[in-house]
Amino acid sequence: MAIKLDKSRPICPQIEEQICILISNGTLKSGEKVMSVRELAVEASVNPNTVQKAFEGLEEKGLLKSVRGSGWFVGENGEKAKDIVNSLIISQTKEYLGRMHDLGLSNEQILNLLRSDDNE
């Protein structure tokens, strides 16, 4: 489970977001065991307490569940993960469009930019 972190943003929500994405796109399936807190902390080079807090946040949302003595498992609420990812998509798209408008681009210019083959 590769987690890519942006050091300019709080780490805990990024871990939650990325695990939501993995659940939403089916990479992590209901009932599947996830990496331990310690393993993920080492892989992501973050404090284990940060990972623990992220896992607990995901547990509150019904996306992960802790089984004492066995570890963390993907919950059965995959639709909730999809809803969270859709909300992220909408908010990040609005943020992007706002920045483009701040740069003076019209909606038509933004669409042309996105359609351009030169952006790949």
C-alpha atoms as a PDB file:
ATOM      1  CA  MET A   1       0.000   0.000   0.000  1.00  0.00           C
ATOM      2  CA  ALA A   2       1.984   2.970  -1.279  1.00  0.00           C
ATOM      3  CA  ILE A   3       1.141   6.233   0.447  1.00  0.00           C
ATOM      4  CA  LYS A   4       2.414   9.456  -1.146  1.00  0.00           C
ATOM      5  CA  LEU A   5       2.420  12.422   1.198  1.00  0.00           C
ATOM      6  CA  ASP A   6       2.548  16.141   0.551  1.00  0.00           C
ATOM      7  CA  LYS A   7       4.570  17.643   3.414  1.00  0.00           C
ATOM      8  CA  SER A   8       2.817  21.002   2.946  1.00  0.00           C
ATOM      9  CA  ARG A   9      -0.509  19.529   4.171  1.00  0.00           C
ATOM     10  CA  PRO A  10      -1.428  17.799   7.437  1.00  0.00           C
ATOM     11  CA  ILE A  11      -0.380  14.140   7.227  1.00  0.00           C
ATOM     12  CA  CYS A  12      -3.255  12.431   9.051  1.00  0.00           C
ATOM     13  CA  PRO A  13      -6.016  13.562   6.646  1.00  0.00           C
ATOM     14  CA  GLN A  14      -3.828  12.614   3.685  1.00  0.00           C
ATOM     15  CA  ILE A  15      -3.472   9.063   5.004  1.00  0.00           C
ATOM     16  CA  GLU A  16      -7.243   8.893   5.493  1.00  0.00           C
ATOM     17  CA  GLU A  17      -7.857  10.243   1.970  1.00  0.00           C
ATOM     18  CA  GLN A  18      -5.486   7.797   0.327  1.00  0.00           C
ATOM     19  CA  ILE A  19      -6.925   4.794   2.128  1.00  0.00           C
ATOM     20  CA  CYS A  20     -10.424   5.975   1.143  1.00  0.00           C
ATOM     21  CA  ILE A  21      -9.249   6.091  -2.471  1.00  0.00           C
ATOM     22  CA  LEU A  22      -7.832   2.554  -2.241  1.00  0.00           C
ATOM     23  CA  ILE A  23     -11.134   1.296  -0.818  1.00  0.00           C
ATOM     24  CA  SER A  24     -13.204   3.258  -3.324  1.00  0.00           C
ATOM     25  CA  ASN A  25     -11.316   1.957  -6.358  1.00  0.00           C
ATOM     26  CA  GLY A  26     -11.335  -1.638  -5.099  1.00  0.00           C
ATOM     27  CA  THR A  27      -7.608  -1.948  -4.388  1.00  0.00           C
ATOM     28  CA  LEU A  28      -8.550  -2.642  -0.763  1.00  0.00           C
ATOM     29  CA  LYS A  29     -11.577  -4.894  -0.455  1.00  0.00           C
ATOM     30  CA  SER A  30     -14.079  -5.430   2.341  1.00  0.00           C
ATOM     31  CA  GLY A  31     -12.661  -7.733   5.018  1.00  0.00           C
ATOM     32  CA  GLU A  32      -9.094  -7.445   3.725  1.00  0.00           C
ATOM     33  CA  LYS A  33      -6.351  -6.935   6.288  1.00  0.00           C
ATOM     34  CA  VAL A  34      -4.474  -3.664   5.893  1.00  0.00           C
ATOM     35  CA  MET A  35      -0.884  -2.898   6.722  1.00  0.00           C
ATOM     36  CA  SER A  36      -0.192  -2.484  10.425  1.00  0.00           C
ATOM     37  CA  VAL A  37       0.132   0.957  11.953  1.00  0.00           C
ATOM     38  CA  ARG A  38       3.850   0.414  12.480  1.00  0.00           C
ATOM     39  CA  GLU A  39       4.447  -0.891   8.936  1.00  0.00           C
ATOM     40  CA  LEU A  40       2.613   2.025   7.344  1.00  0.00           C
ATOM     41  CA  ALA A  41       4.406   4.504   9.597  1.00  0.00           C
ATOM     42  CA  VAL A  42       7.772   3.122   8.498  1.00  0.00           C
ATOM     43  CA  GLU A  43       6.793   3.044   4.810  1.00  0.00           C
ATOM     44  CA  ALA A  44       5.447   6.614   4.898  1.00  0.00           C
ATOM     45  CA  SER A  45       8.198   7.899   7.236  1.00  0.00           C
ATOM     46  CA  VAL A  46       5.699   9.296   9.728  1.00  0.00           C
ATOM     47  CA  ASN A  47       5.038   8.901  13.427  1.00  0.00           C
ATOM     48  CA  PRO A  48       3.004   5.756  14.280  1.00  0.00           C
ATOM     49  CA  ASN A  49       0.668   7.934  16.365  1.00  0.00           C
ATOM     50  CA  THR A  50      -0.284   9.814  13.180  1.00  0.00           C
ATOM     51  CA  VAL A  51      -1.154   6.562  11.415  1.00  0.00           C
ATOM     52  CA  GLN A  52      -3.065   5.333  14.476  1.00  0.00           C
ATOM     53  CA  LYS A  53      -5.092   8.559  14.510  1.00  0.00           C
ATOM     54  CA  ALA A  54      -5.845   8.178  10.767  1.00  0.00           C
ATOM     55  CA  PHE A  55      -6.940   4.560  11.231  1.00  0.00           C
ATOM     56  CA  GLU A  56      -9.185   5.555  14.136  1.00  0.00           C
ATOM     57  CA  GLY A  57     -10.712   8.320  11.983  1.00  0.00           C
ATOM     58  CA  LEU A  58     -11.411   5.783   9.268  1.00  0.00           C
ATOM     59  CA  GLU A  59     -12.898   3.430  11.847  1.00  0.00           C
ATOM     60  CA  GLU A  60     -15.290   6.184  12.971  1.00  0.00           C
ATOM     61  CA  LYS A  61     -16.417   6.480   9.338  1.00  0.00           C
ATOM     62  CA  GLY A  62     -16.936   2.718   9.094  1.00  0.00           C
ATOM     63  CA  LEU A  63     -14.139   2.249   6.572  1.00  0.00           C
ATOM     64  CA  LEU A  64     -11.731   0.310   8.785  1.00  0.00           C
ATOM     65  CA  LYS A  65     -12.271  -1.906  11.784  1.00  0.00           C
ATOM     66  CA  SER A  66      -9.836  -2.988  14.439  1.00  0.00           C
ATOM     67  CA  VAL A  67      -9.786  -6.608  15.556  1.00  0.00           C
ATOM     68  CA  ARG A  68      -7.980  -6.916  18.854  1.00  0.00           C
ATOM     69  CA  GLY A  69      -4.855  -8.998  18.463  1.00  0.00           C
ATOM     70  CA  SER A  70      -5.294  -9.356  14.695  1.00  0.00           C
ATOM     71  CA  GLY A  71      -4.904  -5.849  13.283  1.00  0.00           C
ATOM     72  CA  TRP A  72      -6.904  -3.550  11.037  1.00  0.00           C
ATOM     73  CA  PHE A  73      -9.330  -4.660   8.347  1.00  0.00           C
ATOM     74  CA  VAL A  74     -11.340  -2.920   5.638  1.00  0.00           C
ATOM     75  CA  GLY A  75     -14.915  -2.394   6.769  1.00  0.00           C
ATOM     76  CA  GLU A  76     -18.030  -3.107   4.770  1.00  0.00           C
ATOM     77  CA  ASN A  77     -18.880   0.518   3.991  1.00  0.00           C
ATOM     78  CA  GLY A  78     -17.297   0.847   0.524  1.00  0.00           C
ATOM     79  CA  GLU A  79     -20.050   3.213  -0.603  1.00  0.00           C
ATOM     80  CA  LYS A  80     -19.024   5.646   2.128  1.00  0.00           C
ATOM     81  CA  ALA A  81     -15.467   5.609   0.701  1.00  0.00           C
ATOM     82  CA  LYS A  82     -16.856   6.412  -2.751  1.00  0.00           C
ATOM     83  CA  ASP A  83     -18.874   9.309  -1.296  1.00  0.00           C
ATOM     84  CA  ILE A  84     -15.782  10.687   0.439  1.00  0.00           C
ATOM     85  CA  VAL A  85     -13.696  10.409  -2.740  1.00  0.00           C
ATOM     86  CA  ASN A  86     -16.426  12.124  -4.777  1.00  0.00           C
ATOM     87  CA  SER A  87     -16.462  14.973  -2.247  1.00  0.00           C
ATOM     88  CA  LEU A  88     -12.671  15.250  -2.557  1.00  0.00           C
ATOM     89  CA  ILE A  89     -12.927  15.347  -6.335  1.00  0.00           C
ATOM     90  CA  ILE A  90     -15.521  18.116  -6.218  1.00  0.00           C
ATOM     91  CA  SER A  91     -13.649  20.242  -3.671  1.00  0.00           C
ATOM     92  CA  GLN A  92     -10.284  19.873  -5.417  1.00  0.00           C
ATOM     93  CA  THR A  93     -11.833  20.649  -8.808  1.00  0.00           C
ATOM     94  CA  LYS A  94     -13.460  23.789  -7.414  1.00  0.00           C
ATOM     95  CA  GLU A  95     -10.146  24.791  -5.844  1.00  0.00           C
ATOM     96  CA  TYR A  96      -8.315  24.251  -9.155  1.00  0.00           C
ATOM     97  CA  LEU A  97     -10.920  26.196 -11.144  1.00  0.00           C
ATOM     98  CA  GLY A  98     -10.755  29.031  -8.623  1.00  0.00           C
ATOM     99  CA  ARG A  99      -6.967  29.233  -9.006  1.00  0.00           C
ATOM    100  CA  MET A 100      -7.275  29.228 -12.804  1.00  0.00           C
ATOM    101  CA  HIS A 101      -9.869  32.023 -12.664  1.00  0.00           C
ATOM    102  CA  ASP A 102      -7.549  33.952 -10.321  1.00  0.00           C
ATOM    103  CA  LEU A 103      -4.896  33.662 -13.041  1.00  0.00           C
ATOM    104  CA  GLY A 104      -7.330  35.295 -15.433  1.00  0.00           C
ATOM    105  CA  LEU A 105      -8.448  32.276 -17.423  1.00  0.00           C
ATOM    106  CA  SER A 106     -12.011  31.919 -18.650  1.00  0.00           C
ATOM    107  CA  ASN A 107     -13.891  28.605 -18.460  1.00  0.00           C
ATOM    108  CA  GLU A 108     -13.324  28.179 -22.199  1.00  0.00           C
ATOM    109  CA  GLN A 109      -9.573  28.698 -21.801  1.00  0.00           C
ATOM    110  CA  ILE A 110      -9.470  26.192 -18.951  1.00  0.00           C
ATOM    111  CA  LEU A 111     -11.340  23.602 -21.050  1.00  0.00           C
ATOM    112  CA  ASN A 112      -8.968  24.166 -23.966  1.00  0.00           C
ATOM    113  CA  LEU A 113      -6.008  23.778 -21.632  1.00  0.00           C
ATOM    114  CA  LEU A 114      -7.382  20.508 -20.270  1.00  0.00           C
ATOM    115  CA  ARG A 115      -8.100  19.183 -23.759  1.00  0.00           C
ATOM    116  CA  SER A 116      -4.648  20.065 -25.068  1.00  0.00           C
ATOM    117  CA  ASP A 117      -2.291  17.206 -25.918  1.00  0.00           C
ATOM    118  CA  ASP A 118       0.636  19.402 -24.856  1.00  0.00           C
ATOM    119  CA  ASN A 119      -0.214  18.821 -21.173  1.00  0.00           C
ATOM    120  CA  GLU A 120       0.820  15.183 -21.072  1.00  0.00           C
END
